[in-house]
């Protein structure tokens, strides 16, 4: 009986530690962009386009042309992946 109580207590403590760490991350925080929304490669912070006050980074300059065909599609794609798109300077 004592052993079962200790096992249950350990499980409750473990579960509370896990769930408390979830609550410390603000829901609106989002992660920084690290992947190109067009090709999926690692971004280069020197290659970007500004769209509606947001700065979107790319892996190569060819991706900018593709992005410009439908920028909203790619911004939504990033945001759907939990990425907080960086604000364009001055915004």
N, C-alpha and C. Protein backbone atom coordinates (compact mmCIF):
# COMPACT_ATOMS: atom_id res chain seq x y z
N UNK A 1 0.82 -1.19 0.00
CA UNK A 1 0.00 0.00 0.00
C UNK A 1 0.87 1.26 0.00
N UNK A 2 1.90 1.25 0.84
CA UNK A 2 2.80 2.39 0.93
C UNK A 2 3.55 2.58 -0.40
N UNK A 3 3.94 1.46 -1.02
CA UNK A 3 4.67 1.52 -2.29
C UNK A 3 3.78 2.12 -3.39
N UNK A 4 2.52 1.71 -3.43
CA UNK A 4 1.59 2.23 -4.43
C UNK A 4 1.39 3.74 -4.24
N UNK A 5 1.30 4.18 -2.98
CA UNK A 5 1.15 5.60 -2.69
C UNK A 5 2.36 6.38 -3.18
N UNK A 6 3.55 5.86 -2.95
CA UNK A 6 4.76 6.55 -3.39
C UNK A 6 4.85 6.62 -4.92
N UNK A 7 4.43 5.57 -5.59
CA UNK A 7 4.44 5.56 -7.05
C UNK A 7 3.47 6.62 -7.58
N UNK A 8 2.27 6.66 -7.01
CA UNK A 8 1.28 7.65 -7.44
C UNK A 8 1.77 9.06 -7.14
N UNK A 9 2.35 9.26 -5.98
CA UNK A 9 2.88 10.57 -5.61
C UNK A 9 3.97 11.00 -6.59
N UNK A 10 4.86 10.10 -6.94
CA UNK A 10 5.93 10.41 -7.89
C UNK A 10 5.36 10.78 -9.26
N UNK A 11 4.31 10.08 -9.68
CA UNK A 11 3.68 10.38 -10.96
C UNK A 11 3.02 11.76 -10.94
N UNK A 12 2.36 12.09 -9.85
CA UNK A 12 1.70 13.39 -9.74
C UNK A 12 2.73 14.51 -9.75
N UNK A 13 3.81 14.33 -9.00
CA UNK A 13 4.87 15.35 -8.97
C UNK A 13 5.50 15.50 -10.36
N UNK A 14 5.79 14.41 -11.02
CA UNK A 14 6.37 14.45 -12.36
C UNK A 14 5.45 15.15 -13.35
N UNK A 15 4.17 14.82 -13.30
CA UNK A 15 3.21 15.45 -14.19
C UNK A 15 3.08 16.94 -13.92
N UNK A 16 3.12 17.32 -12.65
CA UNK A 16 3.01 18.75 -12.33
C UNK A 16 4.25 19.51 -12.80
N UNK A 17 5.41 18.89 -12.75
CA UNK A 17 6.63 19.55 -13.25
C UNK A 17 6.56 19.76 -14.76
N UNK A 18 6.07 18.77 -15.46
CA UNK A 18 5.97 18.87 -16.92
C UNK A 18 4.96 19.94 -17.31
N UNK A 19 3.79 19.93 -16.71
CA UNK A 19 2.77 20.90 -17.09
C UNK A 19 3.12 22.30 -16.64
N UNK A 20 3.86 22.44 -15.55
CA UNK A 20 4.25 23.79 -15.13
C UNK A 20 5.26 24.40 -16.09
N UNK A 21 6.10 23.58 -16.71
CA UNK A 21 7.05 24.12 -17.69
C UNK A 21 6.33 24.54 -18.96
N UNK A 22 5.21 23.92 -19.29
CA UNK A 22 4.43 24.34 -20.45
C UNK A 22 3.85 25.72 -20.23
N UNK A 23 3.42 26.00 -19.04
CA UNK A 23 2.73 27.26 -18.80
C UNK A 23 3.68 28.45 -18.71
N UNK A 24 4.99 28.22 -18.66
CA UNK A 24 5.93 29.34 -18.57
C UNK A 24 6.24 29.95 -19.93
N UNK A 25 5.80 29.30 -21.01
CA UNK A 25 6.03 29.83 -22.35
C UNK A 25 4.78 30.56 -22.80
N UNK A 26 4.86 31.86 -23.05
CA UNK A 26 3.68 32.60 -23.49
C UNK A 26 3.16 32.06 -24.81
N UNK A 27 1.86 31.94 -24.95
CA UNK A 27 1.25 31.36 -26.14
C UNK A 27 1.57 32.17 -27.39
N UNK A 28 1.67 33.47 -27.28
CA UNK A 28 1.90 34.31 -28.44
C UNK A 28 3.38 34.51 -28.76
N UNK A 29 4.26 33.89 -27.99
CA UNK A 29 5.69 34.13 -28.16
C UNK A 29 6.17 33.71 -29.55
N UNK A 30 5.96 32.46 -29.93
CA UNK A 30 6.43 31.97 -31.21
C UNK A 30 7.94 31.83 -31.23
N UNK A 31 8.42 31.10 -32.19
CA UNK A 31 9.86 30.91 -32.32
C UNK A 31 10.39 31.77 -33.45
N UNK A 32 11.66 32.05 -33.40
CA UNK A 32 12.30 32.85 -34.44
C UNK A 32 12.41 32.04 -35.73
N UNK A 33 12.36 32.72 -36.86
CA UNK A 33 12.47 32.05 -38.15
C UNK A 33 13.89 31.54 -38.36
N UNK A 34 14.00 30.27 -38.71
CA UNK A 34 15.30 29.67 -39.02
C UNK A 34 15.29 28.96 -40.37
N UNK A 35 14.08 28.71 -40.91
CA UNK A 35 13.94 27.96 -42.15
C UNK A 35 13.26 28.82 -43.22
N UNK A 36 13.74 28.73 -44.43
CA UNK A 36 13.17 29.45 -45.57
C UNK A 36 11.75 28.92 -45.85
N UNK A 37 10.76 29.81 -45.98
CA UNK A 37 9.41 29.34 -46.22
C UNK A 37 9.19 28.79 -47.64
N UNK A 38 10.10 29.08 -48.55
CA UNK A 38 9.95 28.64 -49.94
C UNK A 38 10.61 27.29 -50.16
N UNK A 39 11.92 27.20 -49.91
CA UNK A 39 12.68 25.98 -50.19
C UNK A 39 12.93 25.10 -48.97
N UNK A 40 12.80 25.68 -47.78
CA UNK A 40 13.00 24.90 -46.57
C UNK A 40 14.44 24.83 -46.10
N UNK A 41 15.33 25.58 -46.74
CA UNK A 41 16.73 25.60 -46.33
C UNK A 41 16.95 26.54 -45.15
N UNK A 42 18.15 26.50 -44.61
CA UNK A 42 18.51 27.41 -43.52
C UNK A 42 18.56 28.83 -44.06
N UNK A 43 17.99 29.77 -43.29
CA UNK A 43 17.92 31.15 -43.78
C UNK A 43 19.27 31.85 -43.72
N UNK A 44 19.40 32.85 -44.57
CA UNK A 44 20.55 33.75 -44.57
C UNK A 44 19.98 35.12 -44.20
N UNK A 45 20.39 35.69 -43.07
CA UNK A 45 19.83 36.95 -42.58
C UNK A 45 20.12 38.13 -43.52
N UNK A 46 20.96 37.95 -44.53
CA UNK A 46 21.23 39.00 -45.51
C UNK A 46 20.28 38.93 -46.71
N UNK A 47 19.45 37.89 -46.76
CA UNK A 47 18.52 37.71 -47.87
C UNK A 47 17.10 37.74 -47.29
N UNK A 48 16.36 38.80 -47.63
CA UNK A 48 15.04 38.96 -47.03
C UNK A 48 14.15 39.83 -47.91
N UNK A 49 12.86 39.80 -47.58
CA UNK A 49 11.88 40.70 -48.19
C UNK A 49 10.99 41.21 -47.07
N UNK A 50 10.59 42.46 -47.18
CA UNK A 50 9.66 43.05 -46.22
C UNK A 50 8.27 43.03 -46.83
N UNK A 51 7.29 42.60 -46.02
CA UNK A 51 5.92 42.52 -46.50
C UNK A 51 4.98 42.91 -45.37
N UNK A 52 4.21 43.95 -45.57
CA UNK A 52 3.22 44.44 -44.61
C UNK A 52 3.79 44.55 -43.20
N UNK A 53 4.96 45.18 -43.11
CA UNK A 53 5.59 45.41 -41.81
C UNK A 53 6.30 44.22 -41.22
N UNK A 54 6.43 43.15 -41.99
CA UNK A 54 7.11 41.93 -41.52
C UNK A 54 8.32 41.66 -42.39
N UNK A 55 9.37 41.14 -41.80
CA UNK A 55 10.59 40.79 -42.54
C UNK A 55 10.69 39.27 -42.60
N UNK A 56 10.72 38.76 -43.81
CA UNK A 56 10.80 37.32 -44.05
C UNK A 56 12.17 37.02 -44.64
N UNK A 57 12.85 36.04 -44.06
CA UNK A 57 14.20 35.67 -44.50
C UNK A 57 14.15 34.44 -45.39
N UNK A 58 15.16 34.31 -46.28
CA UNK A 58 15.21 33.22 -47.24
C UNK A 58 16.58 32.57 -47.27
N UNK A 59 16.65 31.41 -47.92
CA UNK A 59 17.91 30.69 -48.04
C UNK A 59 18.73 31.19 -49.23
N UNK A 60 18.04 31.72 -50.26
CA UNK A 60 18.74 32.21 -51.44
C UNK A 60 17.90 33.29 -52.13
N UNK A 61 18.51 34.04 -53.01
CA UNK A 61 17.79 35.14 -53.67
C UNK A 61 16.69 34.65 -54.61
N UNK A 62 16.81 33.45 -55.14
CA UNK A 62 15.77 32.91 -56.02
C UNK A 62 14.43 32.77 -55.28
N UNK A 63 14.48 32.56 -54.00
CA UNK A 63 13.25 32.38 -53.22
C UNK A 63 12.45 33.67 -53.09
N UNK A 64 13.11 34.80 -53.21
CA UNK A 64 12.40 36.08 -53.10
C UNK A 64 11.39 36.22 -54.23
N UNK A 65 11.76 35.86 -55.44
CA UNK A 65 10.84 35.95 -56.58
C UNK A 65 9.62 35.07 -56.37
N UNK A 66 9.83 33.89 -55.86
CA UNK A 66 8.71 32.97 -55.59
C UNK A 66 7.82 33.53 -54.47
N UNK A 67 8.43 34.06 -53.45
CA UNK A 67 7.69 34.68 -52.34
C UNK A 67 6.82 35.82 -52.85
N UNK A 68 7.37 36.66 -53.72
CA UNK A 68 6.65 37.83 -54.23
C UNK A 68 5.41 37.47 -55.06
N UNK A 69 5.31 36.24 -55.55
CA UNK A 69 4.12 35.80 -56.29
C UNK A 69 2.91 35.70 -55.37
N UNK A 70 3.13 35.30 -54.10
CA UNK A 70 2.03 35.15 -53.14
C UNK A 70 2.59 35.26 -51.71
N UNK A 71 2.99 36.47 -51.31
CA UNK A 71 3.64 36.64 -50.01
C UNK A 71 2.78 36.20 -48.83
N UNK A 72 1.48 36.44 -48.90
CA UNK A 72 0.59 36.08 -47.79
C UNK A 72 0.62 34.58 -47.53
N UNK A 73 0.70 33.79 -48.58
CA UNK A 73 0.78 32.33 -48.47
C UNK A 73 1.99 31.91 -47.62
N UNK A 74 3.12 32.52 -47.88
CA UNK A 74 4.34 32.14 -47.18
C UNK A 74 4.39 32.67 -45.75
N UNK A 75 3.83 33.86 -45.53
CA UNK A 75 3.75 34.39 -44.16
C UNK A 75 2.85 33.49 -43.33
N UNK A 76 1.71 33.10 -43.89
CA UNK A 76 0.79 32.21 -43.17
C UNK A 76 1.44 30.85 -42.90
N UNK A 77 2.22 30.38 -43.85
CA UNK A 77 2.92 29.11 -43.69
C UNK A 77 3.85 29.18 -42.48
N UNK A 78 4.63 30.25 -42.39
CA UNK A 78 5.54 30.42 -41.25
C UNK A 78 4.77 30.51 -39.94
N UNK A 79 3.73 31.33 -39.92
CA UNK A 79 2.96 31.50 -38.70
C UNK A 79 2.27 30.21 -38.30
N UNK A 80 1.84 29.42 -39.28
CA UNK A 80 1.24 28.11 -39.02
C UNK A 80 2.22 27.13 -38.39
N UNK A 81 3.50 27.36 -38.61
CA UNK A 81 4.56 26.52 -38.03
C UNK A 81 5.00 27.06 -36.67
N UNK A 82 4.31 28.08 -36.17
CA UNK A 82 4.65 28.65 -34.87
C UNK A 82 5.77 29.67 -34.90
N UNK A 83 6.10 30.15 -36.08
CA UNK A 83 7.17 31.14 -36.23
C UNK A 83 6.59 32.54 -36.03
N UNK A 84 7.25 33.32 -35.21
CA UNK A 84 6.88 34.73 -35.06
C UNK A 84 7.72 35.49 -36.08
N UNK A 85 7.06 35.94 -37.14
CA UNK A 85 7.77 36.63 -38.22
C UNK A 85 8.28 37.96 -37.68
N UNK A 86 9.54 38.24 -37.93
CA UNK A 86 10.19 39.45 -37.41
C UNK A 86 9.56 40.71 -37.99
N UNK A 87 9.48 41.75 -37.20
CA UNK A 87 9.00 43.01 -37.76
C UNK A 87 10.07 43.64 -38.66
N UNK A 88 9.61 44.30 -39.70
CA UNK A 88 10.55 45.04 -40.54
C UNK A 88 11.05 46.24 -39.75
N UNK A 89 12.30 46.64 -39.93
CA UNK A 89 12.82 47.81 -39.20
C UNK A 89 11.92 49.02 -39.41
N UNK A 90 11.72 49.75 -38.34
CA UNK A 90 10.87 50.92 -38.39
C UNK A 90 9.41 50.62 -38.22
N UNK A 91 9.07 49.36 -37.96
CA UNK A 91 7.66 48.96 -37.78
C UNK A 91 7.40 48.52 -36.37
